[in-house]
Protein backbone atom coordinates (compact mmCIF):
# COMPACT_ATOMS: atom_id res chain seq x y z
CA MET A 1 -36.95 45.55 -152.83
CA LEU A 2 -37.45 49.02 -154.28
CA ASP A 3 -37.21 50.34 -157.83
CA THR A 4 -33.50 50.85 -158.58
CA ASN A 5 -31.77 53.45 -160.75
CA ILE A 6 -28.89 51.86 -162.66
CA VAL A 7 -26.45 53.49 -165.07
CA ASN A 8 -26.94 52.24 -168.62
CA LEU A 9 -24.63 51.79 -171.60
CA ASP A 10 -25.41 55.30 -172.81
CA THR A 11 -24.25 56.66 -169.40
CA GLY A 12 -27.81 57.65 -168.63
CA ILE A 13 -30.06 56.17 -165.96
CA THR A 14 -32.44 53.23 -166.33
CA THR A 15 -35.01 52.65 -163.61
CA VAL A 16 -35.50 48.92 -163.06
CA ASN A 17 -38.68 48.23 -161.15
CA ALA A 18 -38.73 46.14 -158.01
CA GLU A 19 -40.81 43.35 -159.56
CA GLU A 20 -38.16 42.72 -162.24
CA ILE A 21 -35.38 42.58 -159.65
CA GLU A 22 -37.40 40.23 -157.47
CA ALA A 23 -38.09 37.98 -160.46
CA LEU A 24 -34.37 37.92 -161.22
CA ALA A 25 -33.53 37.10 -157.59
CA ALA A 26 -35.98 34.18 -157.69
CA ARG A 27 -34.10 32.67 -160.64
CA LEU A 28 -30.69 32.86 -158.96
CA ARG A 29 -28.95 30.41 -156.66
CA GLY A 30 -26.90 33.37 -155.48
CA ARG A 31 -28.05 36.75 -154.18
CA VAL A 32 -29.02 40.20 -155.35
CA LEU A 33 -27.28 42.85 -153.26
CA GLU A 34 -28.57 46.39 -152.99
CA PRO A 35 -26.56 49.26 -151.46
CA SER A 36 -28.41 48.77 -148.18
CA ASP A 37 -27.29 45.12 -147.84
CA VAL A 38 -24.68 44.32 -145.20
CA SER A 39 -22.63 42.40 -147.80
CA TYR A 40 -22.67 45.22 -150.36
CA ASP A 41 -19.42 46.94 -149.30
CA GLU A 42 -17.56 43.64 -149.13
CA ALA A 43 -18.72 42.70 -152.63
CA ARG A 44 -17.64 46.04 -154.15
CA SER A 45 -14.22 46.16 -152.45
CA VAL A 46 -11.18 45.23 -154.50
CA TRP A 47 -7.43 44.90 -153.96
CA ASN A 48 -6.50 48.42 -155.03
CA ALA A 49 -7.74 50.83 -152.35
CA MET A 50 -7.77 53.69 -154.90
CA ILE A 51 -10.90 52.11 -156.37
CA ASP A 52 -14.01 53.19 -154.47
CA ARG A 53 -16.98 52.70 -156.79
CA ARG A 54 -20.61 52.04 -155.91
CA PRO A 55 -22.57 49.81 -158.30
CA GLY A 56 -26.31 50.35 -158.54
CA LEU A 57 -26.88 46.62 -158.06
CA ILE A 58 -24.68 43.57 -157.40
CA LEU A 59 -25.52 40.05 -158.51
CA ARG A 60 -23.50 37.61 -156.39
CA CYS A 61 -23.43 34.46 -158.50
CA ALA A 62 -23.28 30.87 -157.26
CA GLY A 63 -22.94 29.09 -160.61
CA ALA A 64 -22.99 29.30 -164.39
CA SER A 65 -26.78 29.60 -164.59
CA ASP A 66 -26.62 32.70 -162.38
CA VAL A 67 -24.11 34.24 -164.76
CA VAL A 68 -26.38 33.51 -167.73
CA HIS A 69 -29.32 35.19 -165.98
CA ALA A 70 -27.16 38.16 -164.96
CA VAL A 71 -25.79 38.79 -168.47
CA ARG A 72 -29.24 38.48 -170.02
CA PHE A 73 -30.63 40.93 -167.48
CA ALA A 74 -27.87 43.44 -168.24
CA ARG A 75 -28.38 43.06 -171.98
CA GLU A 76 -32.17 43.35 -171.82
CA HIS A 77 -31.92 46.61 -169.89
CA SER A 78 -28.73 47.88 -171.64
CA LEU A 79 -27.01 48.29 -168.28
CA LEU A 80 -23.43 49.30 -167.68
CA LEU A 81 -21.81 46.03 -166.63
CA SER A 82 -18.67 45.00 -164.77
CA VAL A 83 -17.46 41.52 -163.79
CA ARG A 84 -15.54 40.73 -160.62
CA GLY A 85 -13.46 37.60 -160.20
CA GLY A 86 -10.64 37.94 -157.67
CA GLY A 87 -10.79 41.75 -157.76
CA HIS A 88 -7.00 42.09 -158.04
CA ASN A 89 -6.69 44.00 -161.33
CA ILE A 90 -4.80 47.28 -160.94
CA ALA A 91 -7.30 49.25 -163.05
CA GLY A 92 -10.23 48.32 -160.82
CA ASN A 93 -12.42 47.41 -163.80
CA ALA A 94 -14.12 44.77 -161.69
CA VAL A 95 -16.34 47.50 -160.23
CA CYS A 96 -18.45 50.04 -162.09
CA ASP A 97 -20.00 53.21 -160.70
CA GLY A 98 -23.78 53.03 -160.70
CA GLY A 99 -24.03 50.03 -163.02
CA LEU A 100 -24.55 46.29 -162.56
CA LEU A 101 -21.74 44.25 -160.98
CA ILE A 102 -21.60 40.51 -161.63
CA ASP A 103 -19.73 39.16 -158.61
CA LEU A 104 -18.06 35.77 -159.14
CA SER A 105 -16.03 35.83 -155.92
CA GLN A 106 -18.08 33.03 -154.31
CA MET A 107 -17.41 30.64 -157.22
CA ARG A 108 -14.07 29.28 -155.97
CA SER A 109 -14.23 25.56 -156.69
CA VAL A 110 -11.06 23.81 -157.92
CA ARG A 111 -11.36 20.16 -158.97
CA VAL A 112 -8.36 18.02 -159.94
CA ASP A 113 -8.25 14.76 -161.89
CA ARG A 114 -4.76 13.47 -161.20
CA SER A 115 -5.10 10.56 -163.66
CA ILE A 116 -5.22 12.91 -166.66
CA GLN A 117 -3.49 15.84 -164.92
CA ARG A 118 -6.32 18.31 -165.42
CA ALA A 119 -7.93 20.91 -163.17
CA TRP A 120 -11.31 22.64 -163.48
CA VAL A 121 -11.28 26.08 -161.88
CA GLU A 122 -14.17 28.45 -161.23
CA PRO A 123 -13.69 32.19 -161.90
CA GLY A 124 -13.71 33.35 -158.29
CA ALA A 125 -10.79 31.12 -157.32
CA LEU A 126 -7.57 32.77 -156.17
CA LEU A 127 -4.13 31.44 -157.04
CA ALA A 128 -3.86 30.11 -153.47
CA ASP A 129 -6.95 27.98 -154.08
CA VAL A 130 -5.47 26.57 -157.27
CA ASP A 131 -2.03 25.95 -155.79
CA LYS A 132 -3.25 24.21 -152.65
CA GLU A 133 -5.58 21.88 -154.53
CA THR A 134 -3.14 20.98 -157.31
CA GLN A 135 -0.10 20.64 -155.05
CA ALA A 136 -1.96 18.13 -152.89
CA PHE A 137 -1.38 15.79 -155.85
CA GLY A 138 2.13 17.02 -156.75
CA LEU A 139 0.79 18.98 -159.73
CA ALA A 140 0.76 22.63 -160.79
CA VAL A 141 -0.45 25.02 -163.48
CA PRO A 142 1.69 28.05 -164.36
CA THR A 143 0.14 31.14 -162.79
CA GLY A 144 1.39 34.36 -161.16
CA ILE A 145 3.47 35.21 -158.10
CA ASN A 146 0.91 36.57 -155.63
CA SER A 147 -1.48 34.03 -154.13
CA THR A 148 -4.32 36.54 -153.66
CA THR A 149 -4.53 37.19 -157.42
CA GLY A 150 -7.70 35.95 -159.11
CA ALA A 151 -7.17 33.02 -161.46
CA ALA A 152 -9.71 34.31 -164.00
CA GLY A 153 -8.29 37.78 -164.61
CA LEU A 154 -4.73 36.46 -164.64
CA THR A 155 -5.61 33.83 -167.24
CA LEU A 156 -7.64 36.08 -169.53
CA GLY A 157 -4.73 38.55 -169.72
CA GLY A 158 -2.08 35.89 -170.40
CA GLY A 159 -0.61 34.90 -167.04
CA PHE A 160 3.08 34.46 -166.23
CA GLY A 161 5.10 33.65 -163.16
CA TRP A 162 7.71 31.24 -161.85
CA LEU A 163 6.73 28.35 -164.14
CA ALA A 164 6.18 30.18 -167.43
CA ARG A 165 9.67 29.58 -168.82
CA LYS A 166 9.29 25.83 -168.32
CA TYR A 167 5.60 25.26 -169.05
CA GLY A 168 4.41 28.37 -170.89
CA LEU A 169 1.94 31.06 -169.95
CA THR A 170 -1.25 30.29 -168.06
CA ILE A 171 -3.19 30.54 -171.35
CA ASP A 172 -0.85 28.02 -172.96
CA ASN A 173 -2.12 25.49 -170.44
CA LEU A 174 -5.81 26.30 -170.91
CA MET A 175 -7.55 23.36 -172.58
CA THR A 176 -11.19 24.43 -172.54
CA ALA A 177 -13.31 27.23 -171.12
CA ASP A 178 -17.06 27.69 -170.67
CA VAL A 179 -17.99 31.25 -171.65
CA VAL A 180 -21.21 33.20 -171.24
CA THR A 181 -21.27 35.54 -174.23
CA ALA A 182 -23.00 38.91 -174.53
CA ASP A 183 -26.20 37.33 -175.86
CA GLY A 184 -26.47 35.25 -172.68
CA GLU A 185 -25.47 31.93 -174.24
CA LEU A 186 -23.11 29.50 -172.51
CA LEU A 187 -20.53 28.21 -175.01
CA ARG A 188 -17.85 25.58 -174.63
CA THR A 189 -14.60 26.78 -176.20
CA SER A 190 -11.45 24.88 -177.11
CA LEU A 191 -9.15 24.35 -180.09
CA THR A 192 -12.01 22.43 -181.76
CA GLU A 193 -15.15 24.10 -180.34
CA ASN A 194 -15.81 27.79 -180.98
CA SER A 195 -12.09 28.00 -181.64
CA ASP A 196 -12.13 31.68 -182.64
CA LEU A 197 -13.59 32.62 -179.25
CA PHE A 198 -11.07 30.34 -177.55
CA TRP A 199 -8.29 32.19 -179.39
CA ALA A 200 -9.67 35.56 -178.26
CA ILE A 201 -10.04 34.79 -174.55
CA ARG A 202 -6.42 33.60 -174.37
CA GLY A 203 -5.02 37.08 -173.81
CA GLY A 204 -8.00 39.21 -174.87
CA GLY A 205 -9.06 39.94 -171.32
CA GLY A 206 -12.71 40.18 -170.33
CA ASN A 207 -13.80 41.61 -173.68
CA PHE A 208 -15.61 38.56 -175.02
CA GLY A 209 -17.67 37.12 -172.19
CA VAL A 210 -17.70 35.74 -168.68
CA VAL A 211 -15.78 32.50 -168.19
CA THR A 212 -17.55 30.22 -165.72
CA THR A 213 -15.09 27.31 -165.83
CA PHE A 214 -11.44 27.01 -166.89
CA GLU A 215 -9.93 23.60 -167.66
CA PHE A 216 -6.14 23.54 -167.28
CA GLN A 217 -3.42 21.06 -168.17
CA LEU A 218 -1.34 20.31 -165.07
CA HIS A 219 2.34 19.42 -164.72
CA GLN A 220 4.22 17.40 -162.15
CA LEU A 221 5.94 19.73 -159.71
CA GLY A 222 7.16 19.73 -156.16
CA PRO A 223 6.08 19.57 -153.49
CA GLN A 224 9.42 21.40 -153.09
CA VAL A 225 11.26 23.70 -155.46
CA LEU A 226 14.62 25.45 -155.09
CA ALA A 227 13.65 29.07 -154.50
CA GLY A 228 14.44 32.16 -152.49
CA LEU A 229 16.03 35.59 -152.42
CA VAL A 230 19.54 36.95 -152.85
CA VAL A 231 19.71 40.51 -151.52
CA HIS A 232 22.37 43.00 -152.69
CA PRO A 233 23.24 46.54 -151.60
CA PHE A 234 21.74 48.95 -154.12
CA ALA A 235 25.12 50.62 -154.52
CA GLU A 236 26.10 47.52 -156.52
CA ALA A 237 22.99 47.61 -158.73
CA SER A 238 24.76 48.56 -161.96
CA THR A 239 27.18 45.64 -161.75
CA VAL A 240 24.58 43.16 -160.48
CA LEU A 241 22.08 43.96 -163.23
CA ARG A 242 24.64 43.59 -165.99
CA LYS A 243 25.85 40.26 -164.61
CA TYR A 244 22.24 39.17 -164.07
CA ARG A 245 21.55 39.86 -167.74
CA GLU A 246 24.63 37.85 -168.72
CA ALA A 247 23.71 34.90 -166.50
CA LEU A 248 20.25 34.59 -168.03
CA GLU A 249 21.55 34.30 -171.58
CA SER A 250 22.17 30.60 -171.01
CA ALA A 251 19.60 29.91 -168.29
CA ALA A 252 17.69 26.63 -168.41
CA ASP A 253 13.92 26.82 -168.87
CA GLU A 254 13.50 25.50 -165.35
CA LEU A 255 15.17 28.63 -163.94
CA THR A 256 13.34 31.92 -163.50
CA CYS A 257 14.91 34.94 -161.83
CA TRP A 258 13.23 38.29 -161.31
CA VAL A 259 14.69 41.52 -159.96
CA VAL A 260 13.04 43.65 -157.27
CA MET A 261 14.42 47.07 -156.38
CA ARG A 262 12.99 48.86 -153.32
CA GLN A 263 13.66 49.83 -149.73
CA ALA A 264 14.31 46.70 -147.70
CA PRO A 265 11.36 45.63 -145.54
CA PRO A 266 12.16 44.29 -142.06
CA LEU A 267 12.73 40.73 -143.22
CA PRO A 268 14.00 38.47 -140.41
CA PHE A 269 17.05 37.31 -142.35
CA LEU A 270 18.28 40.85 -143.08
CA PRO A 271 20.51 42.67 -140.59
CA SER A 272 18.50 45.46 -138.97
CA GLU A 273 20.87 48.13 -140.29
CA TRP A 274 19.59 47.37 -143.80
CA HIS A 275 15.92 47.81 -142.99
CA GLY A 276 14.56 50.80 -144.92
CA LYS A 277 17.61 51.10 -147.18
CA GLU A 278 17.53 50.59 -150.95
CA VAL A 279 18.39 47.07 -152.03
CA LEU A 280 18.35 44.96 -155.17
CA VAL A 281 16.83 41.52 -154.77
CA LEU A 282 17.27 38.56 -157.09
CA ALA A 283 14.19 36.36 -156.61
CA MET A 284 14.72 32.96 -158.18
CA CYS A 285 12.93 29.66 -158.60
CA TYR A 286 14.13 26.41 -160.18
CA CYS A 287 11.24 24.09 -160.99
CA GLY A 288 13.17 20.86 -161.47
CA ASP A 289 15.52 18.51 -159.65
CA LEU A 290 16.88 20.20 -156.53
CA GLU A 291 20.49 19.17 -157.13
CA GLU A 292 20.32 20.41 -160.70
CA GLY A 293 18.83 23.60 -159.33
CA GLU A 294 21.88 24.19 -157.16
CA LYS A 295 24.05 24.05 -160.27
CA ALA A 296 21.68 26.16 -162.37
CA THR A 297 21.45 28.97 -159.79
CA ALA A 298 25.19 29.01 -159.01
CA HIS A 299 26.04 31.69 -161.60
CA LEU A 300 23.37 34.08 -160.32
CA ARG A 301 24.25 33.44 -156.69
CA SER A 302 27.95 34.09 -157.32
CA ILE A 303 27.32 37.68 -158.41
CA GLY A 304 28.91 40.24 -156.09
CA VAL A 305 28.84 40.05 -152.29
CA PRO A 306 25.21 39.82 -151.22
CA ILE A 307 23.80 40.92 -147.88
CA ALA A 308 21.84 37.67 -147.66
CA ASP A 309 21.29 34.49 -149.69
CA VAL A 310 18.24 32.51 -148.57
CA VAL A 311 17.79 30.30 -151.62
CA GLY A 312 16.98 26.71 -150.69
CA PRO A 313 14.40 23.93 -150.92
CA THR A 314 10.96 25.28 -150.10
CA PRO A 315 7.38 24.11 -150.61
CA PHE A 316 6.03 25.53 -153.84
CA THR A 317 2.86 26.74 -152.13
CA ALA A 318 4.98 28.69 -149.63
CA TRP A 319 7.05 30.27 -152.41
CA GLN A 320 3.85 31.28 -154.20
CA GLN A 321 2.87 33.21 -151.05
CA ALA A 322 6.30 34.68 -150.31
CA PHE A 323 5.42 38.14 -151.66
CA ASP A 324 1.90 38.26 -150.23
CA PRO A 325 2.83 40.42 -147.19
CA LEU A 326 4.21 43.11 -149.52
CA LEU A 327 1.11 43.01 -151.76
CA ALA A 328 -1.72 42.71 -149.25
CA PRO A 329 -5.05 44.44 -150.00
CA GLY A 330 -5.77 47.84 -148.52
CA ALA A 331 -3.02 50.05 -149.98
CA ARG A 332 -3.29 52.58 -152.80
CA ASN A 333 -1.57 51.33 -155.97
CA TYR A 334 -0.61 52.64 -159.39
CA TRP A 335 1.41 50.73 -161.99
CA LYS A 336 3.25 51.50 -165.21
CA SER A 337 4.76 48.80 -167.37
CA HIS A 338 6.99 48.24 -170.39
CA ASP A 339 8.16 45.17 -172.29
CA PHE A 340 11.82 45.02 -173.33
CA THR A 341 13.42 42.74 -175.90
CA GLU A 342 16.69 43.26 -174.05
CA LEU A 343 17.82 44.81 -170.78
CA SER A 344 20.09 47.44 -172.30
CA ASP A 345 22.72 49.48 -170.47
CA GLU A 346 20.57 52.58 -171.05
CA THR A 347 17.55 50.87 -169.48
CA ILE A 348 19.59 49.82 -166.48
CA ASP A 349 20.77 53.40 -165.96
CA VAL A 350 17.17 54.68 -166.10
CA LEU A 351 16.04 52.11 -163.53
CA ILE A 352 18.86 52.90 -161.13
CA ASP A 353 18.17 56.62 -161.31
CA ALA A 354 14.48 56.05 -160.53
CA VAL A 355 15.13 53.82 -157.54
CA HIS A 356 17.34 56.53 -156.07
CA ARG A 357 14.16 58.67 -156.07
CA LEU A 358 11.67 56.24 -154.55
CA PRO A 359 8.75 58.31 -153.16
CA GLY A 360 7.87 55.88 -150.39
CA PRO A 361 8.92 52.70 -148.56
CA GLU A 362 6.47 50.44 -150.42
CA CYS A 363 7.25 51.65 -153.95
CA GLU A 364 9.30 49.30 -156.07
CA VAL A 365 10.42 48.35 -159.54
CA PHE A 366 10.51 44.75 -160.65
CA ILE A 367 11.90 43.13 -163.77
CA GLY A 368 10.49 39.76 -164.78
CA HIS A 369 12.33 37.55 -167.24
CA VAL A 370 10.01 35.43 -169.39
CA GLY A 371 11.06 33.69 -172.64
CA GLY A 372 11.70 29.95 -172.53
CA ALA A 373 8.66 27.85 -173.42
CA ALA A 374 6.44 30.93 -173.31
CA GLY A 375 8.53 32.48 -176.08
CA ARG A 376 8.47 29.48 -178.41
CA ILE A 377 4.83 29.91 -179.41
CA ALA A 378 3.81 31.86 -182.49
CA ASN A 379 2.65 35.44 -181.89
CA ASP A 380 -0.67 34.74 -183.56
CA ALA A 381 -1.37 31.40 -181.84
CA THR A 382 -3.27 33.23 -179.10
CA ALA A 383 -4.51 36.78 -178.64
CA PHE A 384 -1.50 37.39 -176.37
CA PRO A 385 1.18 38.54 -178.85
CA GLN A 386 4.39 39.19 -176.89
CA ARG A 387 6.11 35.87 -177.49
CA SER A 388 9.68 36.95 -178.07
CA SER A 389 12.05 36.29 -175.18
CA HIS A 390 11.82 39.51 -173.23
CA TYR A 391 11.82 41.30 -169.93
CA VAL A 392 8.75 42.86 -168.36
CA MET A 393 9.13 45.93 -166.18
CA ASN A 394 6.44 46.82 -163.67
CA VAL A 395 6.79 50.15 -161.89
CA HIS A 396 4.79 49.56 -158.74
CA ALA A 397 3.87 52.70 -156.83
CA ARG A 398 2.23 51.75 -153.53
CA TRP A 399 1.32 53.99 -150.60
CA ARG A 400 -1.28 54.53 -147.87
CA GLU A 401 -2.21 58.22 -147.61
CA ILE A 402 -4.23 60.17 -150.18
CA ARG A 403 -1.79 63.10 -149.92
CA MET A 404 0.84 60.82 -151.51
CA ASP A 405 -1.23 60.17 -154.65
CA ARG A 406 0.47 62.81 -156.78
CA PRO A 407 4.14 62.20 -155.88
CA CYS A 408 3.79 58.42 -156.21
CA ILE A 409 1.88 58.52 -159.50
CA ASP A 410 4.24 61.13 -160.94
CA TRP A 411 7.24 59.00 -159.99
CA ALA A 412 5.81 55.98 -161.81
CA ARG A 413 4.94 58.02 -164.89
CA ASP A 414 8.35 59.69 -164.99
CA LEU A 415 10.13 56.33 -164.94
CA PHE A 416 7.77 55.00 -167.61
CA GLU A 417 8.56 57.95 -169.91
CA ALA A 418 12.30 57.75 -169.29
CA ALA A 419 12.32 54.05 -170.21
CA ARG A 420 10.06 54.42 -173.26
CA PRO A 421 12.87 54.90 -175.84
CA TYR A 422 14.32 51.50 -174.97
CA ALA A 423 11.02 49.56 -174.75
CA ALA A 424 9.41 47.19 -177.25
CA GLY A 425 6.17 49.17 -177.45
CA THR A 426 3.94 46.30 -176.35
CA ALA A 427 2.39 45.91 -172.91
CA TYR A 428 0.99 43.24 -170.61
CA ILE A 429 -2.66 44.21 -170.19
CA ASN A 430 -2.86 42.88 -166.63
CA PHE A 431 -0.35 45.56 -165.62
CA MET A 432 -2.14 48.47 -167.33
CA PRO A 433 -3.89 51.08 -165.12
CA GLU A 434 -7.24 52.57 -166.09
CA ASP A 435 -5.68 55.66 -167.71
CA GLU A 436 -3.90 53.64 -170.42
CA ILE A 437 -6.76 52.77 -172.74
CA GLU A 438 -4.81 54.34 -175.62
CA ARG A 439 -2.18 51.59 -175.28
CA VAL A 440 -4.56 48.71 -175.96
CA GLU A 441 -3.97 48.58 -179.72
CA ALA A 442 -0.18 48.59 -179.28
CA ALA A 443 -0.45 45.93 -176.58
CA TYR A 444 -2.01 43.51 -179.07
CA GLY A 445 0.06 44.53 -182.08
CA SER A 446 -0.73 42.51 -185.20
CA ASN A 447 -3.49 40.61 -183.38
CA PHE A 448 -5.58 43.73 -182.76
CA GLN A 449 -7.46 43.69 -186.08
CA ARG A 450 -8.66 40.13 -185.56
CA LEU A 451 -9.67 40.93 -181.99
CA MET A 452 -11.82 43.85 -183.18
CA GLU A 453 -13.52 41.58 -185.71
CA LEU A 454 -14.24 38.95 -183.05
CA LYS A 455 -15.51 41.64 -180.70
CA ARG A 456 -18.01 42.62 -183.39
CA LYS A 457 -19.06 38.96 -183.74
CA TYR A 458 -19.45 38.16 -180.04
CA ASP A 459 -20.16 41.54 -178.42
CA PRO A 460 -21.27 44.08 -181.06
CA LEU A 461 -22.86 46.37 -178.43
CA ASN A 462 -19.67 46.35 -176.33
CA LEU A 463 -21.56 45.11 -173.27
CA PHE A 464 -18.24 43.92 -171.84
CA ARG A 465 -16.46 47.26 -171.79
CA MET A 466 -15.17 47.49 -168.21
CA ASN A 467 -11.74 46.12 -169.14
CA GLN A 468 -8.76 47.04 -171.28
CA ASN A 469 -11.39 47.55 -173.91
CA ILE A 470 -11.33 46.35 -177.50
CA ARG A 471 -14.15 48.16 -179.24
CA PRO A 472 -16.11 46.37 -181.99
CA ILE A 473 -14.78 47.21 -185.44
CA ALA A 474 -18.15 48.63 -186.54
CA GLU A 475 -18.16 50.94 -183.49
CA ILE A 476 -14.65 52.12 -184.38
CA ARG A 477 -15.78 53.03 -187.90
CA ALA A 478 -18.88 54.81 -186.62
CA ALA A 479 -16.76 56.93 -184.29
C-alpha cells in the first residue's frame, strides 16, 4: 500500500501513511480497498446513477468489530466519512468524494427466531433478504415496497410500506439496535438501554452512529396476501382520485392502497394499445384473511371502468418485488416529496396537470396512504414526527441520458412548488435529495431541538454528516 491522501472534516487533505493503513487492514476481518483495487468501483456504486463519487479509501466491513475500527480510524484522523448500507438512498450520501467510505454491503445476515417472532438483521441486508428469511416462517416486518432497498437506511429514516397501516412503521417494530457511536464505542440501545440514542435512531437517519445489528419484532403474515394493480385511463384521473380518497376514509388497517401515475410500461396484462400512454394505477395490498380482503378491496375496485384489474392472492415476497423492474439500479433519479394531511381537490388538480407534462417514460408520481397503526403513535415517541394520518407524495423523475437532467429535474421541482401551498410542511427524509438540506428542520418539526441536543451528546464533531444532517447544537450556535 502507498500513502493515501484523504479529504478531512475541514475539507482539506490529510495524508495517511501506508503503515497506518496496513495496520488498520491487519485488524479487520474485511478489506481495505484503494482506488486501484478491482472491487473499488463496485463498492462505490449506488442505486442512483447520478451519484459518481470517488472515496479516497474504502473499508469493506465484515462485522461489528470492523465498524468499530473504521470509525475510530476516521475519528483519529478527522476524515470525511460516509457509510454505505444498501446504497439505495436518493441523495447518494452513502458515498463521499475523496473521504473514507465504510462499506457495510457484505454484512447481510438475517437470523429469525420463530418462537419469539424476532429477527436480527445486519446493516447490509436488502429488503429481499429480510422478506425471504422471515417469510420462510410465515412472518414479516413492515418495510418498504422495493426489494433492493437497504434495510438499514429505510429503518433509520422511519420506513413505511404495505404493512405500515396494520403494524406500524419499520421503526415501530425495532426492539433493539447495536450502534457504533462517533467515539468508536459499540452501544446496545433499546427502550431501557441508552434510550435517548434509541429514540434518536428511530427516524433520525445516520446522524448518530453506525448500526451493526437491528432486532425487529415480527408478525404473522402470508405466505399469501391479496394484492395487485387496478389500472385506469388517465383521462378518468380526476374522478378516480376523488373516489379513491373517499374509499380510504373507512379503510381497514389491513388495507393499503397507493396511487401511481405514469406512462404505462409494457406489462403483459395490459392491451398493447395502452403501452406508453398515461395511466393511473391503484396498487393495493390487504394483509389479512383473503376472503375479508375481497370485501375490503371491493369499494376501490368498483371505481370507474378500469383497463385491467389483476388483484388476487399472491405470495408476499412476490408482491414485495413487483415494482423492482421499474426501479432497477442504473438510471438517473431525482425526487421531490411532500406530506399531505388530506388529498384536497386543489392537490389533485396540481397532480393531474403535472402528469400531463411527464418529461419521460420512466417519470412518475406516486401517492402513498399511511395512517392506521403508524398514525396512532405520539409524535414525540420517536424521532420520526409525522404521525397524523396522511398522504405522502413522491415525485419520481427517472431517466437515462445526461441531456435529460435539466428537463426532468425542473419538472419535479415545478410540481413540488405547485403542490407546496396544500402540503403539511413536513417531509420523509428518505425521499429527500441532496439539495434539500434546508428542509431538515421542518422535516423533524418539534423533535428537531431534542435531536440537535442528542447530536451534541453523541457526535459533537459531526463526524456523521453525510446524511440529511442534523448539526450539533453547539455548532449551530458557533455558526
